[in-house]
Amino acid sequence: MDVLLRALDRVAEGDADMAGPVAAVRTRLFHTVPAVRGKALQVRLTAQREIAR
């Protein structure tokens, strides 16, 4: 699972595409793998805190 989460982190760093094939895979993983969903929520919360600051 850690390998999958690290791979998603690396892909997310270099890929801002919200509609391409990689985004579709990311979205599918967010919806089907609880650890990926948790990581996504952590990233989202961190971003929201930075925006609020």
PDB file of N, CA and C in Angstrom:
ATOM      1  N   MET A   1       0.820  -1.189   0.000  1.00  0.00           N
ATOM      2  CA  MET A   1       0.000   0.000   0.000  1.00  0.00           C
ATOM      3  C   MET A   1       0.868   1.258   0.000  1.00  0.00           C
ATOM      4  N   ASP A   2       1.958   1.235   0.750  1.00  0.00           N
ATOM      5  CA  ASP A   2       2.844   2.404   0.786  1.00  0.00           C
ATOM      6  C   ASP A   2       3.403   2.729  -0.591  1.00  0.00           C
ATOM      7  N   VAL A   3       3.704   1.693  -1.350  1.00  0.00           N
ATOM      8  CA  VAL A   3       4.233   1.909  -2.701  1.00  0.00           C
ATOM      9  C   VAL A   3       3.194   2.621  -3.557  1.00  0.00           C
ATOM     10  N   LEU A   4       1.939   2.207  -3.463  1.00  0.00           N
ATOM     11  CA  LEU A   4       0.864   2.835  -4.223  1.00  0.00           C
ATOM     12  C   LEU A   4       0.711   4.298  -3.831  1.00  0.00           C
ATOM     13  N   LEU A   5       0.742   4.592  -2.549  1.00  0.00           N
ATOM     14  CA  LEU A   5       0.596   5.977  -2.088  1.00  0.00           C
ATOM     15  C   LEU A   5       1.774   6.837  -2.548  1.00  0.00           C
ATOM     16  N   ARG A   6       2.983   6.297  -2.492  1.00  0.00           N
ATOM     17  CA  ARG A   6       4.150   7.063  -2.964  1.00  0.00           C
ATOM     18  C   ARG A   6       4.056   7.314  -4.468  1.00  0.00           C
ATOM     19  N   ALA A   7       3.617   6.312  -5.204  1.00  0.00           N
ATOM     20  CA  ALA A   7       3.467   6.483  -6.660  1.00  0.00           C
ATOM     21  C   ALA A   7       2.445   7.570  -6.965  1.00  0.00           C
ATOM     22  N   LEU A   8       1.340   7.576  -6.250  1.00  0.00           N
ATOM     23  CA  LEU A   8       0.328   8.619  -6.469  1.00  0.00           C
ATOM     24  C   LEU A   8       0.867  10.000  -6.125  1.00  0.00           C
ATOM     25  N   ASP A   9       1.664  10.096  -5.076  1.00  0.00           N
ATOM     26  CA  ASP A   9       2.281  11.377  -4.730  1.00  0.00           C
ATOM     27  C   ASP A   9       3.161  11.883  -5.863  1.00  0.00           C
ATOM     28  N   ARG A  10       3.966  11.004  -6.427  1.00  0.00           N
ATOM     29  CA  ARG A  10       4.866  11.410  -7.513  1.00  0.00           C
ATOM     30  C   ARG A  10       4.096  11.826  -8.756  1.00  0.00           C
ATOM     31  N   VAL A  11       3.056  11.081  -9.078  1.00  0.00           N
ATOM     32  CA  VAL A  11       2.242  11.424 -10.248  1.00  0.00           C
ATOM     33  C   VAL A  11       1.558  12.761 -10.023  1.00  0.00           C
ATOM     34  N   ALA A  12       1.031  12.970  -8.826  1.00  0.00           N
ATOM     35  CA  ALA A  12       0.319  14.215  -8.524  1.00  0.00           C
ATOM     36  C   ALA A  12       1.253  15.424  -8.600  1.00  0.00           C
ATOM     37  N   GLU A  13       2.515  15.251  -8.236  1.00  0.00           N
ATOM     38  CA  GLU A  13       3.470  16.358  -8.278  1.00  0.00           C
ATOM     39  C   GLU A  13       3.658  16.889  -9.696  1.00  0.00           C
ATOM     40  N   GLY A  14       3.671  16.005 -10.681  1.00  0.00           N
ATOM     41  CA  GLY A  14       3.981  16.423 -12.031  1.00  0.00           C
ATOM     42  C   GLY A  14       2.793  16.451 -12.965  1.00  0.00           C
ATOM     43  N   ASP A  15       1.604  16.150 -12.472  1.00  0.00           N
ATOM     44  CA  ASP A  15       0.437  16.044 -13.347  1.00  0.00           C
ATOM     45  C   ASP A  15      -0.739  16.807 -12.752  1.00  0.00           C
ATOM     46  N   ALA A  16      -1.011  17.975 -13.294  1.00  0.00           N
ATOM     47  CA  ALA A  16      -2.138  18.772 -12.816  1.00  0.00           C
ATOM     48  C   ALA A  16      -3.386  18.549 -13.663  1.00  0.00           C
ATOM     49  N   ASP A  17      -3.294  17.638 -14.624  1.00  0.00           N
ATOM     50  CA  ASP A  17      -4.412  17.356 -15.522  1.00  0.00           C
ATOM     51  C   ASP A  17      -5.583  16.770 -14.736  1.00  0.00           C
ATOM     52  N   MET A  18      -6.734  17.376 -14.852  1.00  0.00           N
ATOM     53  CA  MET A  18      -7.913  16.925 -14.109  1.00  0.00           C
ATOM     54  C   MET A  18      -8.833  16.047 -14.955  1.00  0.00           C
ATOM     55  N   ALA A  19      -8.524  15.870 -16.243  1.00  0.00           N
ATOM     56  CA  ALA A  19      -9.442  15.138 -17.115  1.00  0.00           C
ATOM     57  C   ALA A  19      -8.768  14.063 -17.958  1.00  0.00           C
ATOM     58  N   GLY A  20      -7.469  13.897 -17.845  1.00  0.00           N
ATOM     59  CA  GLY A  20      -6.760  12.932 -18.679  1.00  0.00           C
ATOM     60  C   GLY A  20      -6.851  11.515 -18.139  1.00  0.00           C
ATOM     61  N   PRO A  21      -6.183  10.593 -18.804  1.00  0.00           N
ATOM     62  CA  PRO A  21      -6.234   9.194 -18.392  1.00  0.00           C
ATOM     63  C   PRO A  21      -5.648   8.947 -16.999  1.00  0.00           C
ATOM     64  N   VAL A  22      -4.587   9.665 -16.642  1.00  0.00           N
ATOM     65  CA  VAL A  22      -4.004   9.495 -15.309  1.00  0.00           C
ATOM     66  C   VAL A  22      -4.984   9.992 -14.247  1.00  0.00           C
ATOM     67  N   ALA A  23      -5.661  11.082 -14.520  1.00  0.00           N
ATOM     68  CA  ALA A  23      -6.663  11.598 -13.581  1.00  0.00           C
ATOM     69  C   ALA A  23      -7.793  10.595 -13.393  1.00  0.00           C
ATOM     70  N   ALA A  24      -8.173   9.914 -14.451  1.00  0.00           N
ATOM     71  CA  ALA A  24      -9.237   8.910 -14.351  1.00  0.00           C
ATOM     72  C   ALA A  24      -8.808   7.756 -13.453  1.00  0.00           C
ATOM     73  N   VAL A  25      -7.556   7.340 -13.577  1.00  0.00           N
ATOM     74  CA  VAL A  25      -7.048   6.261 -12.705  1.00  0.00           C
ATOM     75  C   VAL A  25      -7.004   6.727 -11.267  1.00  0.00           C
ATOM     76  N   ARG A  26      -6.491   7.951 -11.051  1.00  0.00           N
ATOM     77  CA  ARG A  26      -6.449   8.499  -9.684  1.00  0.00           C
ATOM     78  C   ARG A  26      -7.840   8.528  -9.078  1.00  0.00           C
ATOM     79  N   THR A  27      -8.812   9.006  -9.832  1.00  0.00           N
ATOM     80  CA  THR A  27     -10.180   9.102  -9.332  1.00  0.00           C
ATOM     81  C   THR A  27     -10.731   7.727  -8.979  1.00  0.00           C
ATOM     82  N   ARG A  28     -10.476   6.748  -9.842  1.00  0.00           N
ATOM     83  CA  ARG A  28     -10.949   5.388  -9.566  1.00  0.00           C
ATOM     84  C   ARG A  28     -10.308   4.856  -8.283  1.00  0.00           C
ATOM     85  N   LEU A  29      -9.018   5.111  -8.101  1.00  0.00           N
ATOM     86  CA  LEU A  29      -8.345   4.658  -6.886  1.00  0.00           C
ATOM     87  C   LEU A  29      -8.893   5.357  -5.650  1.00  0.00           C
ATOM     88  N   PHE A  30      -9.185   6.658  -5.750  1.00  0.00           N
ATOM     89  CA  PHE A  30      -9.746   7.388  -4.615  1.00  0.00           C
ATOM     90  C   PHE A  30     -11.063   6.770  -4.162  1.00  0.00           C
ATOM     91  N   HIS A  31     -11.824   6.284  -5.116  1.00  0.00           N
ATOM     92  CA  HIS A  31     -13.141   5.742  -4.808  1.00  0.00           C
ATOM     93  C   HIS A  31     -13.114   4.282  -4.379  1.00  0.00           C
ATOM     94  N   THR A  32     -12.018   3.571  -4.629  1.00  0.00           N
ATOM     95  CA  THR A  32     -12.012   2.134  -4.360  1.00  0.00           C
ATOM     96  C   THR A  32     -10.998   1.674  -3.325  1.00  0.00           C
ATOM     97  N   VAL A  33      -9.969   2.486  -3.047  1.00  0.00           N
ATOM     98  CA  VAL A  33      -8.922   2.075  -2.105  1.00  0.00           C
ATOM     99  C   VAL A  33      -8.959   3.004  -0.890  1.00  0.00           C
ATOM    100  N   PRO A  34      -9.361   2.475   0.262  1.00  0.00           N
ATOM    101  CA  PRO A  34      -9.497   3.331   1.452  1.00  0.00           C
ATOM    102  C   PRO A  34      -8.230   4.104   1.814  1.00  0.00           C
ATOM    103  N   ALA A  35      -7.058   3.513   1.694  1.00  0.00           N
ATOM    104  CA  ALA A  35      -5.822   4.221   2.041  1.00  0.00           C
ATOM    105  C   ALA A  35      -5.573   5.396   1.102  1.00  0.00           C
ATOM    106  N   VAL A  36      -5.904   5.224  -0.163  1.00  0.00           N
ATOM    107  CA  VAL A  36      -5.746   6.305  -1.138  1.00  0.00           C
ATOM    108  C   VAL A  36      -6.752   7.410  -0.833  1.00  0.00           C
ATOM    109  N   ARG A  37      -7.964   7.037  -0.502  1.00  0.00           N
ATOM    110  CA  ARG A  37      -8.983   8.029  -0.139  1.00  0.00           C
ATOM    111  C   ARG A  37      -8.525   8.828   1.084  1.00  0.00           C
ATOM    112  N   GLY A  38      -7.977   8.144   2.081  1.00  0.00           N
ATOM    113  CA  GLY A  38      -7.491   8.836   3.274  1.00  0.00           C
ATOM    114  C   GLY A  38      -6.385   9.816   2.943  1.00  0.00           C
ATOM    115  N   LYS A  39      -5.459   9.394   2.109  1.00  0.00           N
ATOM    116  CA  LYS A  39      -4.355  10.283   1.705  1.00  0.00           C
ATOM    117  C   LYS A  39      -4.892  11.494   0.953  1.00  0.00           C
ATOM    118  N   ALA A  40      -5.840  11.259   0.064  1.00  0.00           N
ATOM    119  CA  ALA A  40      -6.430  12.369  -0.690  1.00  0.00           C
ATOM    120  C   ALA A  40      -7.107  13.370   0.237  1.00  0.00           C
ATOM    121  N   LEU A  41      -7.796  12.867   1.239  1.00  0.00           N
ATOM    122  CA  LEU A  41      -8.458  13.764   2.185  1.00  0.00           C
ATOM    123  C   LEU A  41      -7.446  14.551   3.016  1.00  0.00           C
ATOM    124  N   GLN A  42      -6.328  13.911   3.369  1.00  0.00           N
ATOM    125  CA  GLN A  42      -5.280  14.625   4.098  1.00  0.00           C
ATOM    126  C   GLN A  42      -4.687  15.748   3.247  1.00  0.00           C
ATOM    127  N   VAL A  43      -4.431  15.449   1.991  1.00  0.00           N
ATOM    128  CA  VAL A  43      -3.874  16.451   1.077  1.00  0.00           C
ATOM    129  C   VAL A  43      -4.859  17.609   0.918  1.00  0.00           C
ATOM    130  N   ARG A  44      -6.127  17.267   0.772  1.00  0.00           N
ATOM    131  CA  ARG A  44      -7.160  18.302   0.610  1.00  0.00           C
ATOM    132  C   ARG A  44      -7.255  19.189   1.847  1.00  0.00           C
ATOM    133  N   LEU A  45      -7.222  18.583   3.025  1.00  0.00           N
ATOM    134  CA  LEU A  45      -7.300  19.357   4.264  1.00  0.00           C
ATOM    135  C   LEU A  45      -6.092  20.283   4.399  1.00  0.00           C
ATOM    136  N   THR A  46      -4.915  19.789   4.074  1.00  0.00           N
ATOM    137  CA  THR A  46      -3.712  20.621   4.130  1.00  0.00           C
ATOM    138  C   THR A  46      -3.830  21.809   3.184  1.00  0.00           C
ATOM    139  N   ALA A  47      -4.324  21.561   1.977  1.00  0.00           N
ATOM    140  CA  ALA A  47      -4.492  22.646   1.004  1.00  0.00           C
ATOM    141  C   ALA A  47      -5.508  23.670   1.506  1.00  0.00           C
ATOM    142  N   GLN A  48      -6.600  23.195   2.091  1.00  0.00           N
ATOM    143  CA  GLN A  48      -7.613  24.115   2.613  1.00  0.00           C
ATOM    144  C   GLN A  48      -7.053  24.969   3.735  1.00  0.00           C
ATOM    145  N   ARG A  49      -6.240  24.380   4.589  1.00  0.00           N
ATOM    146  CA  ARG A  49      -5.622  25.156   5.677  1.00  0.00           C
ATOM    147  C   ARG A  49      -4.683  26.223   5.134  1.00  0.00           C
ATOM    148  N   GLU A  50      -3.914  25.861   4.102  1.00  0.00           N
ATOM    149  CA  GLU A  50      -3.005  26.840   3.504  1.00  0.00           C
ATOM    150  C   GLU A  50      -3.782  27.973   2.853  1.00  0.00           C
ATOM    151  N   ILE A  51      -4.864  27.646   2.183  1.00  0.00           N
ATOM    152  CA  ILE A  51      -5.692  28.681   1.563  1.00  0.00           C
ATOM    153  C   ILE A  51      -6.293  29.588   2.636  1.00  0.00           C
ATOM    154  N   ALA A  52      -6.756  29.000   3.724  1.00  0.00           N
ATOM    155  CA  ALA A  52      -7.369  29.793   4.799  1.00  0.00           C
ATOM    156  C   ALA A  52      -6.364  30.737   5.445  1.00  0.00           C
ATOM    157  N   ARG A  53      -5.103  30.286   5.525  1.00  0.00           N
ATOM    158  CA  ARG A  53      -4.065  31.152   6.118  1.00  0.00           C
ATOM    159  C   ARG A  53      -3.839  32.353   5.236  1.00  0.00           C
TER     160      ARG A  53
END
